[in-house]
C-alpha cells in the first residue's frame, strides 16, 4: 500500500526563524525544507544548497541509518540544530523467471558498453541546477498496474541482484508517459543495455526523475518539459520480461521512492 504524503512543521523556540519540513522522514523519502533568511543549512554537517526563497531539499537512501541532524545558521550568525529520526522500512523479495541469460550474467563483451552507459547515467544524475520544480507536486506519469515497488530485492532466474530502486507501472507497449512535474531533459538514449530507452529529467537542486524501458522517446536532451507533456511511451526494451515503465527518483546519487510523493495522475494536463 502506498503511503500518503505528510507535512511536518517545526517552530524553533530559541529563534525567530521557523523550520518547516515537508515529505517523508523514512528510508527512501525525499524531504523539502524552508527556513527564512538562513545563511547556511547542513544535514549531518554536509552543506545543502538553498534557493533564494530559503528552500532546500534532501533525501534518505533505501538502507539509510535512522538518526540524523539538521543544522542551520541564522541571520545573526548563530547555529540551530534539529534532530531527525527516520523510520525503517521492510522490503519485498521479488522472484522473476524467464529473463534472458545474457541479461542475468552479461557476457564480458558488453562490459565496456555497460560501464560507459552507467557512467553517463551517473553524470546525468549529478546535474545541479537552480530550477525549483522539485517544490511542486509529483504526479503519476502513466496509467497501468503497479508491478514492482521500490526497495524490493529481485532474483532473476534464481540469481540475487541489486535491490530495485523504482516504481514499475505495467501497461501495453505504446502507453503514453507524461512528465509528472516540469523539468529539463538531461539524458535521452533509445538503447541502453540494461534499461533500454531511458530518459532523465532535472527538477533542480539535485532532484532528478528517470524513465526506463521506453518504447519511444518524444523529447531530446536540453528540451524543457512542462507538467503533463507527453515525453515517451511505455515499452519492453532492455532487461525486462514485459512492457512497463520503471520510474525512479534521485537526489544526486541517493535513490529515493517516487511512490511516497506520487499524487493522482493529472489527466487535464496531458497532451
Protein backbone atom coordinates (compact mmCIF):
# COMPACT_ATOMS: atom_id res chain seq x y z
CA UNK A 1 0.00 0.00 0.00
CA UNK A 2 1.34 3.46 -0.90
CA UNK A 3 1.82 5.83 1.99
CA UNK A 4 0.27 9.29 1.91
CA UNK A 5 2.35 12.46 1.87
CA UNK A 6 2.61 14.09 5.26
CA UNK A 7 3.85 17.52 6.30
CA UNK A 8 5.96 18.21 9.35
CA UNK A 9 6.24 21.78 10.63
CA UNK A 10 8.60 22.66 13.46
CA UNK A 11 8.97 26.02 15.20
CA UNK A 12 12.27 26.60 16.99
CA UNK A 13 11.52 28.42 20.25
CA UNK A 14 15.04 29.83 20.65
CA UNK A 15 14.93 31.56 17.27
CA UNK A 16 12.58 33.88 15.42
CA UNK A 17 13.09 31.63 12.42
CA UNK A 18 10.82 28.62 11.95
CA UNK A 19 11.95 25.36 10.39
CA UNK A 20 9.37 23.79 8.09
CA UNK A 21 9.82 20.30 6.65
CA UNK A 22 7.55 18.51 4.18
CA UNK A 23 7.96 14.97 2.92
CA UNK A 24 8.69 11.57 4.35
CA UNK A 25 11.07 11.01 7.24
CA UNK A 26 11.69 7.40 6.26
CA UNK A 27 14.13 5.30 4.27
CA UNK A 28 13.64 6.21 0.62
CA UNK A 29 11.97 9.50 1.50
CA UNK A 30 12.52 12.93 -0.04
CA UNK A 31 12.14 15.97 2.22
CA UNK A 32 11.89 19.65 1.33
CA UNK A 33 12.55 22.33 3.91
CA UNK A 34 12.23 26.05 4.40
CA UNK A 35 13.99 28.49 6.71
CA UNK A 36 13.68 32.20 6.09
CA UNK A 37 16.98 34.09 5.84
CA UNK A 38 19.18 31.13 6.78
CA UNK A 39 22.81 31.74 5.84
CA UNK A 40 23.70 28.02 5.72
CA UNK A 41 21.89 24.70 6.11
CA UNK A 42 23.57 21.34 6.74
CA UNK A 43 22.44 17.74 7.01
CA UNK A 44 24.84 15.71 9.15
CA UNK A 45 27.41 18.53 8.70
CA UNK A 46 27.15 18.38 4.89
CA UNK A 47 26.03 21.68 3.28
CA UNK A 48 22.69 21.83 1.45
CA UNK A 49 22.05 24.29 -1.36
CA UNK A 50 19.43 26.94 -0.53
CA UNK A 51 17.06 28.61 -3.00
CA UNK A 52 16.74 32.42 -2.96
CA UNK A 53 13.47 31.94 -1.09
CA UNK A 54 15.04 29.82 1.65
CA UNK A 55 14.02 26.31 0.45
CA UNK A 56 16.24 23.24 0.39
CA UNK A 57 15.90 19.52 -0.28
CA UNK A 58 17.45 16.24 0.86
CA UNK A 59 16.67 12.53 0.90
CA UNK A 60 17.36 9.23 2.64
CA UNK A 61 18.51 6.07 0.82
CA UNK A 62 16.99 2.60 0.99
CA UNK A 63 19.17 1.42 3.89
CA UNK A 64 19.94 4.80 5.47
CA UNK A 65 20.70 4.96 9.20
CA UNK A 66 17.83 6.21 11.33
CA UNK A 67 19.28 9.19 13.22
CA UNK A 68 20.33 12.47 11.60
CA UNK A 69 20.93 16.12 12.46
CA UNK A 70 19.75 19.16 10.54
CA UNK A 71 21.55 22.40 11.40
CA UNK A 72 21.35 25.95 10.08
CA UNK A 73 23.00 29.30 10.63
CA UNK A 74 20.65 32.17 11.35
CA UNK A 75 20.97 35.72 10.07
CA UNK A 76 22.73 36.74 13.29
CA UNK A 77 25.39 34.07 12.80
CA UNK A 78 24.14 31.63 15.44
CA UNK A 79 23.56 27.93 14.73
CA UNK A 80 20.40 25.96 15.44
CA UNK A 81 20.05 22.18 15.30
CA UNK A 82 17.14 19.80 14.93
CA UNK A 83 17.49 16.02 15.45
CA UNK A 84 15.73 13.90 12.81
CA UNK A 85 14.71 10.29 13.38
CA UNK A 86 13.51 8.44 10.29
CA UNK A 87 11.55 5.19 10.15
CA UNK A 88 12.90 1.86 8.99
CA UNK A 89 11.13 0.04 6.14
CA UNK A 90 10.65 -3.60 5.24
CA UNK A 91 11.12 -4.59 1.60
CA UNK A 92 9.64 -7.31 -0.58
CA UNK A 93 11.52 -10.19 -2.21
CA UNK A 94 10.58 -10.38 -5.89
CA UNK A 95 11.47 -13.53 -7.88
CA UNK A 96 11.36 -13.27 -11.68
CA UNK A 97 11.98 -16.13 -14.07
CA UNK A 98 12.29 -16.15 -17.83
CA UNK A 99 14.88 -13.37 -18.15
CA UNK A 100 17.35 -13.99 -20.97
CA UNK A 101 20.65 -15.35 -19.65
CA UNK A 102 22.66 -12.57 -21.28
CA UNK A 103 20.90 -10.03 -19.05
CA UNK A 104 21.31 -12.05 -15.83
CA UNK A 105 25.01 -12.67 -16.42
CA UNK A 106 26.01 -10.40 -19.31
CA UNK A 107 28.90 -11.57 -21.48
CA UNK A 108 32.30 -9.95 -20.98
CA UNK A 109 32.00 -8.47 -24.45
CA UNK A 110 29.41 -5.95 -23.21
CA UNK A 111 31.20 -4.85 -20.02
CA UNK A 112 32.85 -1.88 -21.70
CA UNK A 113 29.47 -0.78 -23.00
CA UNK A 114 27.63 -1.16 -19.68
CA UNK A 115 30.35 0.70 -17.75
CA UNK A 116 30.23 3.56 -20.23
CA UNK A 117 26.44 3.73 -20.02
CA UNK A 118 26.46 3.60 -16.21
CA UNK A 119 28.94 6.49 -16.14
CA UNK A 120 26.76 8.57 -18.45
CA UNK A 121 23.66 7.97 -16.30
CA UNK A 122 25.59 8.81 -13.12
CA UNK A 123 26.80 12.06 -14.66
CA UNK A 124 23.24 12.99 -15.67
CA UNK A 125 22.03 12.35 -12.14
CA UNK A 126 24.83 14.57 -10.84
CA UNK A 127 23.28 17.54 -12.62
CA UNK A 128 22.83 20.58 -10.42
CA UNK A 129 20.68 23.50 -11.49
CA UNK A 130 18.76 26.26 -9.78
CA UNK A 131 15.39 25.07 -11.08
CA UNK A 132 12.72 24.90 -8.38
CA UNK A 133 10.42 22.32 -9.96
CA UNK A 134 11.18 19.97 -7.06
CA UNK A 135 8.94 22.11 -4.87
CA UNK A 136 5.88 21.22 -6.99
CA UNK A 137 3.66 18.13 -6.50
CA UNK A 138 4.80 14.95 -8.27
CA UNK A 139 2.10 13.26 -10.35
CA UNK A 140 1.80 9.70 -11.61
CA UNK A 141 3.45 9.60 -15.08
CA UNK A 142 1.45 6.77 -16.66
CA UNK A 143 -1.60 4.57 -16.24
CA UNK A 144 -1.26 0.87 -15.51
CA UNK A 145 -0.82 -1.77 -12.85
CA UNK A 146 1.84 -1.31 -10.17
CA UNK A 147 4.02 -4.37 -10.83
CA UNK A 148 7.14 -3.54 -8.85
CA UNK A 149 7.99 -1.36 -5.87
CA UNK A 150 10.98 0.49 -4.51
CA UNK A 151 13.43 -1.39 -2.33
CA UNK A 152 12.40 -4.91 -3.29
CA UNK A 153 15.19 -7.47 -3.66
CA UNK A 154 14.96 -9.14 -7.05
CA UNK A 155 16.05 -12.59 -8.12
CA UNK A 156 16.43 -13.18 -11.85
CA UNK A 157 16.21 -16.89 -12.64
CA UNK A 158 17.21 -17.60 -9.03
CA UNK A 159 20.20 -15.25 -9.03
CA UNK A 160 20.02 -12.40 -6.46
CA UNK A 161 20.52 -8.96 -7.98
CA UNK A 162 20.71 -5.43 -6.66
CA UNK A 163 17.57 -4.06 -4.95
CA UNK A 164 15.01 -2.42 -7.19
CA UNK A 165 15.04 1.36 -6.88
CA UNK A 166 11.98 2.36 -8.89
CA UNK A 167 8.22 2.08 -9.16
CA UNK A 168 7.11 -0.20 -12.01
CA UNK A 169 3.92 0.65 -13.87
CA UNK A 170 2.89 -2.17 -16.25
CA UNK A 171 0.87 -1.46 -19.36
CA UNK A 172 0.95 -2.27 -23.06
CA UNK A 173 3.71 -1.02 -25.34
CA UNK A 174 2.93 2.47 -26.61
CA UNK A 175 1.08 3.65 -23.50
CA UNK A 176 1.88 7.37 -23.04
CA UNK A 177 4.31 8.55 -20.39
CA UNK A 178 3.74 12.11 -19.18
CA UNK A 179 6.03 14.49 -17.30
CA UNK A 180 4.95 14.18 -13.64
CA UNK A 181 6.41 17.62 -12.90
CA UNK A 182 8.14 20.27 -15.00
CA UNK A 183 11.85 19.91 -15.73
CA UNK A 184 14.61 19.75 -18.30
CA UNK A 185 15.79 16.67 -20.22
CA UNK A 186 19.40 15.96 -19.22
CA UNK A 187 19.67 12.43 -20.67
CA UNK A 188 17.91 10.71 -23.57
CA UNK A 189 19.02 7.42 -25.09
CA UNK A 190 16.97 4.89 -27.06
CA UNK A 191 19.10 1.84 -26.37
CA UNK A 192 20.95 1.23 -23.09
CA UNK A 193 21.93 -2.39 -22.48
CA UNK A 194 20.10 -2.84 -19.18
CA UNK A 195 17.43 -0.13 -19.24
CA UNK A 196 16.67 0.20 -22.96
CA UNK A 197 15.05 3.52 -23.84
CA UNK A 198 15.97 5.86 -20.99
CA UNK A 199 15.13 9.46 -20.06
CA UNK A 200 16.30 11.60 -17.14
CA UNK A 201 14.67 14.90 -16.18
CA UNK A 202 16.28 17.55 -13.97
CA UNK A 203 13.97 19.26 -11.46
CA UNK A 204 16.56 21.37 -9.68
CA UNK A 205 18.87 21.28 -6.66
CA UNK A 206 19.97 17.70 -7.36
CA UNK A 207 16.49 16.20 -7.82
CA UNK A 208 16.00 14.11 -10.96
CA UNK A 209 13.48 11.56 -12.23
CA UNK A 210 14.34 8.65 -14.54
CA UNK A 211 12.15 6.72 -17.01
CA UNK A 212 13.32 3.26 -18.11
CA UNK A 213 12.43 0.55 -20.69
CA UNK A 214 10.80 3.08 -23.01
CA UNK A 215 9.48 2.09 -26.43
CA UNK A 216 9.79 5.58 -27.88
CA UNK A 217 11.17 8.91 -26.65
CA UNK A 218 9.30 12.10 -27.55
CA UNK A 219 11.83 14.59 -26.17
CA UNK A 220 15.54 15.33 -26.62
CA UNK A 221 18.41 16.36 -24.36
CA UNK A 222 18.24 20.02 -23.48
CA UNK A 223 14.49 20.25 -24.01
CA UNK A 224 12.26 21.93 -21.44
CA UNK A 225 9.13 19.99 -20.46
CA UNK A 226 6.06 21.06 -18.54
CA UNK A 227 3.82 19.08 -16.23
CA UNK A 228 1.65 16.79 -18.36
CA UNK A 229 3.74 16.92 -21.54
CA UNK A 230 3.98 13.58 -23.34
CA UNK A 231 7.64 12.61 -23.02
CA UNK A 232 7.72 8.93 -24.02
CA UNK A 233 5.87 5.63 -24.43
CA UNK A 234 5.97 2.53 -22.25
CA UNK A 235 7.99 -0.31 -23.77
CA UNK A 236 9.81 -3.57 -23.15
CA UNK A 237 13.38 -2.57 -24.00
CA UNK A 238 16.47 -3.60 -22.08
CA UNK A 239 16.27 -6.21 -19.28
CA UNK A 240 12.56 -6.91 -18.97
CA UNK A 241 10.03 -9.72 -19.12
CA UNK A 242 7.19 -7.50 -20.35
CA UNK A 243 6.25 -3.90 -21.14
CA UNK A 244 6.31 -1.49 -18.22
CA UNK A 245 7.66 1.86 -17.05
CA UNK A 246 10.37 1.79 -14.40
CA UNK A 247 10.10 5.24 -12.80
CA UNK A 248 12.84 6.47 -10.47
CA UNK A 249 13.54 9.45 -8.22
CA UNK A 250 17.00 10.63 -7.18
CA UNK A 251 18.58 13.31 -5.03
CA UNK A 252 22.05 13.33 -6.51
CA UNK A 253 23.15 9.70 -6.30
CA UNK A 254 20.73 8.91 -3.47
CA UNK A 255 17.96 6.65 -4.78
CA UNK A 256 14.52 7.54 -3.44
CA UNK A 257 10.98 6.16 -3.63
CA UNK A 258 8.75 8.13 -6.05
CA UNK A 259 5.63 6.35 -4.75
CA UNK A 260 5.90 8.23 -1.45
CA UNK A 261 5.34 11.56 -3.23
CA UNK A 262 3.12 10.43 -6.11
CA UNK A 263 -0.18 12.23 -6.50
CA UNK A 264 -3.03 11.04 -8.73
CA UNK A 265 -2.49 11.37 -12.46
CA UNK A 266 -3.40 14.83 -13.73
CA UNK A 267 -5.35 13.94 -16.87
CA UNK A 268 -6.29 17.56 -17.66
CA UNK A 269 -2.63 18.42 -18.19
CA UNK A 270 -1.85 15.53 -20.54
CA UNK A 271 -1.07 16.36 -24.16
